[in-house]
């Protein structure tokens, strides 16, 4: 968490020197302290581990180690580290999802006005998800289409609310990857939830879990 009595501390990672300088200037003008910058993913990981900043602003496309892979390493080394990615507008949906799955707190396109960045970084450091309004609506529509009417869940259940979310998607015959995309988590996280669901319901397969869920709902 940032020190409320001091400026927000940030690292800027971008392989374009002009872009780094422009971003650094904008953040500095807004009272954010840029404690380090990096020209590639490996440098970004090293800087984050060394400086432990409040937030890392990371370009996705960089040589050697890209921004998504670097984010994954940073979050693994520093659990809870806030990382905001910069993507191209054309790849916003796909790259954005991959970035969130890697542990990023959000992403912005490079088309955003540079003066918007300070507010976005402060929001991310305060625990807000940083995504464009357009992407938020696309994600909402995506979830609505696949999860139109959530089925009634029994009041008494061994499953957690998140496990019920996963089970609801299983009932709609979504794959592990599709569930991961809808919930903005990694496939490994989904597989872990499925394992817990099967164990708690004493089910031997997803199909049996669906049958048990329908029986539980009927008794709700």
C-alpha atoms as a PDB file:
ATOM      1  CA  UNK A   1       0.000   0.000   0.000  1.00  0.00           C
ATOM      2  CA  UNK A   2       1.250   3.517  -0.768  1.00  0.00           C
ATOM      3  CA  UNK A   3       2.369   5.721   2.077  1.00  0.00           C
ATOM      4  CA  UNK A   4      -0.489   8.174   2.657  1.00  0.00           C
ATOM      5  CA  UNK A   5       2.049  10.719   3.895  1.00  0.00           C
ATOM      6  CA  UNK A   6       4.266  10.523   0.815  1.00  0.00           C
ATOM      7  CA  UNK A   7       3.951  10.539  -2.951  1.00  0.00           C
ATOM      8  CA  UNK A   8       2.910   7.489  -4.907  1.00  0.00           C
ATOM      9  CA  UNK A   9       6.021   5.604  -6.044  1.00  0.00           C
ATOM     10  CA  UNK A  10       6.021   4.189  -9.558  1.00  0.00           C
ATOM     11  CA  UNK A  11       8.167   2.329 -12.063  1.00  0.00           C
ATOM     12  CA  UNK A  12       7.704   2.894 -15.789  1.00  0.00           C
ATOM     13  CA  UNK A  13       8.632   0.109 -18.219  1.00  0.00           C
ATOM     14  CA  UNK A  14       8.629   0.823 -21.964  1.00  0.00           C
ATOM     15  CA  UNK A  15      11.173   0.047 -24.658  1.00  0.00           C
ATOM     16  CA  UNK A  16      10.582   3.425 -26.340  1.00  0.00           C
ATOM     17  CA  UNK A  17      12.806   6.075 -24.646  1.00  0.00           C
ATOM     18  CA  UNK A  18      10.551   8.920 -25.832  1.00  0.00           C
ATOM     19  CA  UNK A  19       7.453   7.204 -24.449  1.00  0.00           C
ATOM     20  CA  UNK A  20       9.177   6.625 -21.101  1.00  0.00           C
ATOM     21  CA  UNK A  21      10.253  10.252 -20.906  1.00  0.00           C
ATOM     22  CA  UNK A  22       6.757  11.495 -21.806  1.00  0.00           C
ATOM     23  CA  UNK A  23       5.119   9.254 -19.213  1.00  0.00           C
ATOM     24  CA  UNK A  24       7.708  10.106 -16.548  1.00  0.00           C
ATOM     25  CA  UNK A  25       7.122  13.818 -17.109  1.00  0.00           C
ATOM     26  CA  UNK A  26       3.339  13.428 -16.852  1.00  0.00           C
ATOM     27  CA  UNK A  27       3.580  11.417 -13.639  1.00  0.00           C
ATOM     28  CA  UNK A  28       6.104  13.803 -12.108  1.00  0.00           C
ATOM     29  CA  UNK A  29       3.897  16.808 -12.901  1.00  0.00           C
ATOM     30  CA  UNK A  30       1.069  15.069 -11.062  1.00  0.00           C
ATOM     31  CA  UNK A  31       3.192  14.509  -7.957  1.00  0.00           C
ATOM     32  CA  UNK A  32       4.003  10.844  -8.530  1.00  0.00           C
ATOM     33  CA  UNK A  33       7.582   9.838  -7.775  1.00  0.00           C
ATOM     34  CA  UNK A  34       9.098   7.731 -10.562  1.00  0.00           C
ATOM     35  CA  UNK A  35      11.680   5.670  -8.672  1.00  0.00           C
ATOM     36  CA  UNK A  36      12.917   3.730 -11.695  1.00  0.00           C
ATOM     37  CA  UNK A  37      12.328   2.903 -15.322  1.00  0.00           C
ATOM     38  CA  UNK A  38      13.013  -0.079 -17.545  1.00  0.00           C
ATOM     39  CA  UNK A  39      13.449  -0.674 -21.260  1.00  0.00           C
ATOM     40  CA  UNK A  40      12.471  -4.354 -21.239  1.00  0.00           C
ATOM     41  CA  UNK A  41      10.642  -6.939 -19.179  1.00  0.00           C
ATOM     42  CA  UNK A  42      13.676  -8.291 -17.365  1.00  0.00           C
ATOM     43  CA  UNK A  43      14.689  -4.811 -16.228  1.00  0.00           C
ATOM     44  CA  UNK A  44      11.111  -4.225 -15.075  1.00  0.00           C
ATOM     45  CA  UNK A  45      11.226  -7.339 -12.894  1.00  0.00           C
ATOM     46  CA  UNK A  46      14.589  -6.341 -11.424  1.00  0.00           C
ATOM     47  CA  UNK A  47      13.418  -2.771 -10.739  1.00  0.00           C
ATOM     48  CA  UNK A  48      10.208  -3.944  -9.086  1.00  0.00           C
ATOM     49  CA  UNK A  49      12.050  -6.360  -6.807  1.00  0.00           C
ATOM     50  CA  UNK A  50      14.649  -3.727  -5.912  1.00  0.00           C
ATOM     51  CA  UNK A  51      12.396  -0.681  -5.398  1.00  0.00           C
ATOM     52  CA  UNK A  52       9.110  -2.320  -4.310  1.00  0.00           C
ATOM     53  CA  UNK A  53       7.061   0.532  -5.815  1.00  0.00           C
ATOM     54  CA  UNK A  54       3.389   1.217  -5.176  1.00  0.00           C
ATOM     55  CA  UNK A  55       2.622   0.586  -8.828  1.00  0.00           C
ATOM     56  CA  UNK A  56       4.345  -0.578 -12.026  1.00  0.00           C
ATOM     57  CA  UNK A  57       3.217   0.856 -15.369  1.00  0.00           C
ATOM     58  CA  UNK A  58       4.217  -1.726 -17.958  1.00  0.00           C
ATOM     59  CA  UNK A  59       4.180  -1.754 -21.746  1.00  0.00           C
ATOM     60  CA  UNK A  60       3.068  -5.129 -23.099  1.00  0.00           C
ATOM     61  CA  UNK A  61       5.289  -5.338 -26.176  1.00  0.00           C
ATOM     62  CA  UNK A  62       8.944  -5.247 -25.131  1.00  0.00           C
ATOM     63  CA  UNK A  63      12.053  -7.184 -26.227  1.00  0.00           C
ATOM     64  CA  UNK A  64      13.417 -10.177 -24.365  1.00  0.00           C
ATOM     65  CA  UNK A  65      10.572 -10.573 -21.883  1.00  0.00           C
ATOM     66  CA  UNK A  66       7.174  -9.111 -22.732  1.00  0.00           C
ATOM     67  CA  UNK A  67       5.036  -7.176 -20.294  1.00  0.00           C
ATOM     68  CA  UNK A  68       2.663 -10.031 -19.534  1.00  0.00           C
ATOM     69  CA  UNK A  69       5.457 -12.481 -18.718  1.00  0.00           C
ATOM     70  CA  UNK A  70       7.183  -9.787 -16.655  1.00  0.00           C
ATOM     71  CA  UNK A  71       3.950  -9.120 -14.772  1.00  0.00           C
ATOM     72  CA  UNK A  72       3.597 -12.799 -13.989  1.00  0.00           C
ATOM     73  CA  UNK A  73       7.143 -12.903 -12.564  1.00  0.00           C
ATOM     74  CA  UNK A  74       6.693  -9.707 -10.570  1.00  0.00           C
ATOM     75  CA  UNK A  75       3.444 -10.852  -8.966  1.00  0.00           C
ATOM     76  CA  UNK A  76       5.022 -14.206  -8.150  1.00  0.00           C
ATOM     77  CA  UNK A  77       8.011 -12.525  -6.474  1.00  0.00           C
ATOM     78  CA  UNK A  78       5.968  -9.754  -4.858  1.00  0.00           C
ATOM     79  CA  UNK A  79       2.419 -10.974  -4.105  1.00  0.00           C
ATOM     80  CA  UNK A  80       0.010  -8.071  -4.225  1.00  0.00           C
ATOM     81  CA  UNK A  81       2.231  -5.865  -6.364  1.00  0.00           C
ATOM     82  CA  UNK A  82       0.078  -3.518  -8.442  1.00  0.00           C
ATOM     83  CA  UNK A  83       0.824  -3.614 -12.170  1.00  0.00           C
ATOM     84  CA  UNK A  84      -1.017  -1.656 -14.860  1.00  0.00           C
ATOM     85  CA  UNK A  85      -0.390  -2.635 -18.475  1.00  0.00           C
ATOM     86  CA  UNK A  86      -0.316  -0.481 -21.590  1.00  0.00           C
ATOM     87  CA  UNK A  87      -1.702  -2.247 -24.669  1.00  0.00           C
ATOM     88  CA  UNK A  88      -2.411  -1.380 -28.272  1.00  0.00           C
ATOM     89  CA  UNK A  89      -6.049  -0.629 -29.022  1.00  0.00           C
ATOM     90  CA  UNK A  90      -6.264  -3.431 -31.605  1.00  0.00           C
ATOM     91  CA  UNK A  91      -5.339  -6.114 -29.059  1.00  0.00           C
ATOM     92  CA  UNK A  92      -7.186  -4.661 -26.087  1.00  0.00           C
ATOM     93  CA  UNK A  93      -9.618  -7.522 -25.410  1.00  0.00           C
ATOM     94  CA  UNK A  94      -7.301 -10.500 -25.874  1.00  0.00           C
ATOM     95  CA  UNK A  95      -4.167  -8.956 -24.384  1.00  0.00           C
ATOM     96  CA  UNK A  96      -6.133  -7.357 -21.577  1.00  0.00           C
ATOM     97  CA  UNK A  97      -7.579 -10.688 -20.476  1.00  0.00           C
ATOM     98  CA  UNK A  98      -4.150 -12.325 -20.619  1.00  0.00           C
ATOM     99  CA  UNK A  99      -2.724  -9.492 -18.541  1.00  0.00           C
ATOM    100  CA  UNK A 100      -5.408  -9.790 -15.885  1.00  0.00           C
ATOM    101  CA  UNK A 101      -4.861 -13.529 -15.728  1.00  0.00           C
ATOM    102  CA  UNK A 102      -1.134 -12.880 -15.264  1.00  0.00           C
ATOM    103  CA  UNK A 103      -1.908 -10.762 -12.207  1.00  0.00           C
ATOM    104  CA  UNK A 104      -2.187  -7.211 -13.550  1.00  0.00           C
ATOM    105  CA  UNK A 105      -4.581  -4.877 -11.760  1.00  0.00           C
ATOM    106  CA  UNK A 106      -5.731  -3.398 -15.037  1.00  0.00           C
ATOM    107  CA  UNK A 107      -4.729  -2.155 -18.441  1.00  0.00           C
ATOM    108  CA  UNK A 108      -5.075   0.922 -20.620  1.00  0.00           C
ATOM    109  CA  UNK A 109      -4.541   1.416 -24.324  1.00  0.00           C
ATOM    110  CA  UNK A 110      -1.694   3.592 -25.549  1.00  0.00           C
ATOM    111  CA  UNK A 111      -4.279   5.874 -27.112  1.00  0.00           C
ATOM    112  CA  UNK A 112      -5.283   7.179 -23.692  1.00  0.00           C
ATOM    113  CA  UNK A 113      -4.278  10.761 -22.926  1.00  0.00           C
ATOM    114  CA  UNK A 114      -1.021  10.676 -20.965  1.00  0.00           C
ATOM    115  CA  UNK A 115      -2.496  13.062 -18.379  1.00  0.00           C
ATOM    116  CA  UNK A 116      -5.039  10.371 -17.462  1.00  0.00           C
ATOM    117  CA  UNK A 117      -2.286   8.018 -16.282  1.00  0.00           C
ATOM    118  CA  UNK A 118      -1.692   9.568 -12.823  1.00  0.00           C
ATOM    119  CA  UNK A 119      -5.341   9.182 -11.846  1.00  0.00           C
ATOM    120  CA  UNK A 120      -5.406   5.627 -13.207  1.00  0.00           C
ATOM    121  CA  UNK A 121      -2.299   4.642 -11.228  1.00  0.00           C
ATOM    122  CA  UNK A 122      -3.664   6.171  -8.042  1.00  0.00           C
ATOM    123  CA  UNK A 123      -6.885   4.264  -8.538  1.00  0.00           C
ATOM    124  CA  UNK A 124      -5.019   1.001  -9.101  1.00  0.00           C
ATOM    125  CA  UNK A 125      -2.899   1.524  -5.984  1.00  0.00           C
ATOM    126  CA  UNK A 126      -6.116   2.081  -4.017  1.00  0.00           C
ATOM    127  CA  UNK A 127      -7.476  -1.278  -5.132  1.00  0.00           C
ATOM    128  CA  UNK A 128      -9.542  -0.229  -8.126  1.00  0.00           C
ATOM    129  CA  UNK A 129      -9.583  -2.270 -11.332  1.00  0.00           C
ATOM    130  CA  UNK A 130      -8.236  -0.140 -14.170  1.00  0.00           C
ATOM    131  CA  UNK A 131      -9.942  -0.989 -17.457  1.00  0.00           C
ATOM    132  CA  UNK A 132     -11.591   1.088 -20.141  1.00  0.00           C
ATOM    133  CA  UNK A 133     -15.355   1.627 -20.014  1.00  0.00           C
ATOM    134  CA  UNK A 134     -15.661   0.020 -23.421  1.00  0.00           C
ATOM    135  CA  UNK A 135     -13.917  -3.142 -22.243  1.00  0.00           C
ATOM    136  CA  UNK A 136     -16.000  -3.206 -19.049  1.00  0.00           C
ATOM    137  CA  UNK A 137     -19.195  -3.204 -21.086  1.00  0.00           C
ATOM    138  CA  UNK A 138     -17.890  -5.867 -23.466  1.00  0.00           C
ATOM    139  CA  UNK A 139     -17.019  -8.043 -20.484  1.00  0.00           C
ATOM    140  CA  UNK A 140     -20.464  -7.487 -18.969  1.00  0.00           C
ATOM    141  CA  UNK A 141     -22.150  -8.411 -22.240  1.00  0.00           C
ATOM    142  CA  UNK A 142     -19.938 -11.468 -22.592  1.00  0.00           C
ATOM    143  CA  UNK A 143     -20.891 -12.705 -19.137  1.00  0.00           C
ATOM    144  CA  UNK A 144     -24.571 -11.926 -19.748  1.00  0.00           C
ATOM    145  CA  UNK A 145     -24.617 -13.941 -22.951  1.00  0.00           C
ATOM    146  CA  UNK A 146     -23.106 -16.990 -21.312  1.00  0.00           C
ATOM    147  CA  UNK A 147     -24.660 -16.568 -17.894  1.00  0.00           C
ATOM    148  CA  UNK A 148     -27.982 -14.993 -18.683  1.00  0.00           C
ATOM    149  CA  UNK A 149     -30.044 -16.082 -15.712  1.00  0.00           C
ATOM    150  CA  UNK A 150     -28.175 -17.379 -12.678  1.00  0.00           C
ATOM    151  CA  UNK A 151     -29.977 -20.390 -11.262  1.00  0.00           C
ATOM    152  CA  UNK A 152     -31.240 -20.335  -7.709  1.00  0.00           C
ATOM    153  CA  UNK A 153     -28.631 -21.413  -5.208  1.00  0.00           C
ATOM    154  CA  UNK A 154     -29.557 -23.238  -2.007  1.00  0.00           C
ATOM    155  CA  UNK A 155     -29.144 -21.226   1.178  1.00  0.00           C
ATOM    156  CA  UNK A 156     -27.338 -24.072   2.924  1.00  0.00           C
ATOM    157  CA  UNK A 157     -24.508 -25.395   0.793  1.00  0.00           C
ATOM    158  CA  UNK A 158     -20.941 -26.635   1.287  1.00  0.00           C
ATOM    159  CA  UNK A 159     -19.843 -24.521  -1.687  1.00  0.00           C
ATOM    160  CA  UNK A 160     -18.517 -20.978  -1.481  1.00  0.00           C
ATOM    161  CA  UNK A 161     -20.123 -18.232  -3.635  1.00  0.00           C
ATOM    162  CA  UNK A 162     -17.159 -18.410  -6.042  1.00  0.00           C
ATOM    163  CA  UNK A 163     -17.497 -22.181  -6.325  1.00  0.00           C
ATOM    164  CA  UNK A 164     -21.177 -21.732  -7.150  1.00  0.00           C
ATOM    165  CA  UNK A 165     -20.195 -19.286  -9.877  1.00  0.00           C
ATOM    166  CA  UNK A 166     -17.894 -21.901 -11.372  1.00  0.00           C
ATOM    167  CA  UNK A 167     -20.547 -24.603 -10.996  1.00  0.00           C
ATOM    168  CA  UNK A 168     -23.121 -22.373 -12.715  1.00  0.00           C
ATOM    169  CA  UNK A 169     -20.798 -22.120 -15.704  1.00  0.00           C
ATOM    170  CA  UNK A 170     -20.198 -25.873 -15.630  1.00  0.00           C
ATOM    171  CA  UNK A 171     -23.973 -26.347 -15.776  1.00  0.00           C
ATOM    172  CA  UNK A 172     -23.923 -24.265 -18.956  1.00  0.00           C
ATOM    173  CA  UNK A 173     -21.288 -26.616 -20.412  1.00  0.00           C
ATOM    174  CA  UNK A 174     -18.497 -24.029 -20.540  1.00  0.00           C
ATOM    175  CA  UNK A 175     -14.927 -25.251 -20.853  1.00  0.00           C
ATOM    176  CA  UNK A 176     -12.217 -24.470 -18.321  1.00  0.00           C
ATOM    177  CA  UNK A 177     -10.760 -21.762 -20.567  1.00  0.00           C
ATOM    178  CA  UNK A 178     -14.184 -20.190 -21.149  1.00  0.00           C
ATOM    179  CA  UNK A 179     -14.878 -20.085 -17.419  1.00  0.00           C
ATOM    180  CA  UNK A 180     -11.447 -18.537 -16.815  1.00  0.00           C
ATOM    181  CA  UNK A 181     -12.179 -15.812 -19.361  1.00  0.00           C
ATOM    182  CA  UNK A 182     -15.606 -15.060 -17.907  1.00  0.00           C
ATOM    183  CA  UNK A 183     -14.300 -14.820 -14.334  1.00  0.00           C
ATOM    184  CA  UNK A 184     -11.022 -13.125 -15.336  1.00  0.00           C
ATOM    185  CA  UNK A 185      -8.878 -15.729 -13.597  1.00  0.00           C
ATOM    186  CA  UNK A 186      -6.357 -18.297 -14.776  1.00  0.00           C
ATOM    187  CA  UNK A 187      -7.375 -21.772 -16.020  1.00  0.00           C
ATOM    188  CA  UNK A 188      -5.335 -23.213 -13.130  1.00  0.00           C
ATOM    189  CA  UNK A 189      -7.565 -21.330 -10.668  1.00  0.00           C
ATOM    190  CA  UNK A 190     -10.678 -22.717 -12.357  1.00  0.00           C
ATOM    191  CA  UNK A 191      -9.303 -26.263 -12.216  1.00  0.00           C
ATOM    192  CA  UNK A 192      -8.618 -25.791  -8.499  1.00  0.00           C
ATOM    193  CA  UNK A 193     -12.217 -24.634  -7.926  1.00  0.00           C
ATOM    194  CA  UNK A 194     -13.556 -27.614  -9.896  1.00  0.00           C
ATOM    195  CA  UNK A 195     -11.465 -29.988  -7.791  1.00  0.00           C
ATOM    196  CA  UNK A 196     -12.903 -28.493  -4.590  1.00  0.00           C
ATOM    197  CA  UNK A 197     -16.441 -28.628  -5.989  1.00  0.00           C
ATOM    198  CA  UNK A 198     -16.164 -32.308  -6.871  1.00  0.00           C
ATOM    199  CA  UNK A 199     -14.715 -33.123  -3.462  1.00  0.00           C
ATOM    200  CA  UNK A 200     -17.346 -31.168  -1.525  1.00  0.00           C
ATOM    201  CA  UNK A 201     -20.223 -32.645  -3.550  1.00  0.00           C
ATOM    202  CA  UNK A 202     -18.687 -36.135  -3.513  1.00  0.00           C
ATOM    203  CA  UNK A 203     -18.985 -36.137  -7.310  1.00  0.00           C
ATOM    204  CA  UNK A 204     -16.773 -38.171  -9.623  1.00  0.00           C
ATOM    205  CA  UNK A 205     -17.193 -35.943 -12.680  1.00  0.00           C
ATOM    206  CA  UNK A 206     -18.451 -32.563 -13.831  1.00  0.00           C
ATOM    207  CA  UNK A 207     -21.597 -34.235 -15.169  1.00  0.00           C
ATOM    208  CA  UNK A 208     -22.337 -35.767 -11.775  1.00  0.00           C
ATOM    209  CA  UNK A 209     -21.714 -32.378 -10.127  1.00  0.00           C
ATOM    210  CA  UNK A 210     -24.301 -30.819 -12.468  1.00  0.00           C
ATOM    211  CA  UNK A 211     -26.834 -33.491 -11.513  1.00  0.00           C
ATOM    212  CA  UNK A 212     -26.200 -32.929  -7.804  1.00  0.00           C
ATOM    213  CA  UNK A 213     -26.463 -29.139  -8.239  1.00  0.00           C
ATOM    214  CA  UNK A 214     -29.845 -29.479  -9.936  1.00  0.00           C
ATOM    215  CA  UNK A 215     -31.047 -31.753  -7.145  1.00  0.00           C
ATOM    216  CA  UNK A 216     -29.856 -29.252  -4.516  1.00  0.00           C
ATOM    217  CA  UNK A 217     -31.634 -26.408  -6.297  1.00  0.00           C
ATOM    218  CA  UNK A 218     -34.822 -28.408  -6.454  1.00  0.00           C
ATOM    219  CA  UNK A 219     -34.681 -28.817  -2.692  1.00  0.00           C
ATOM    220  CA  UNK A 220     -33.868 -25.153  -2.051  1.00  0.00           C
END
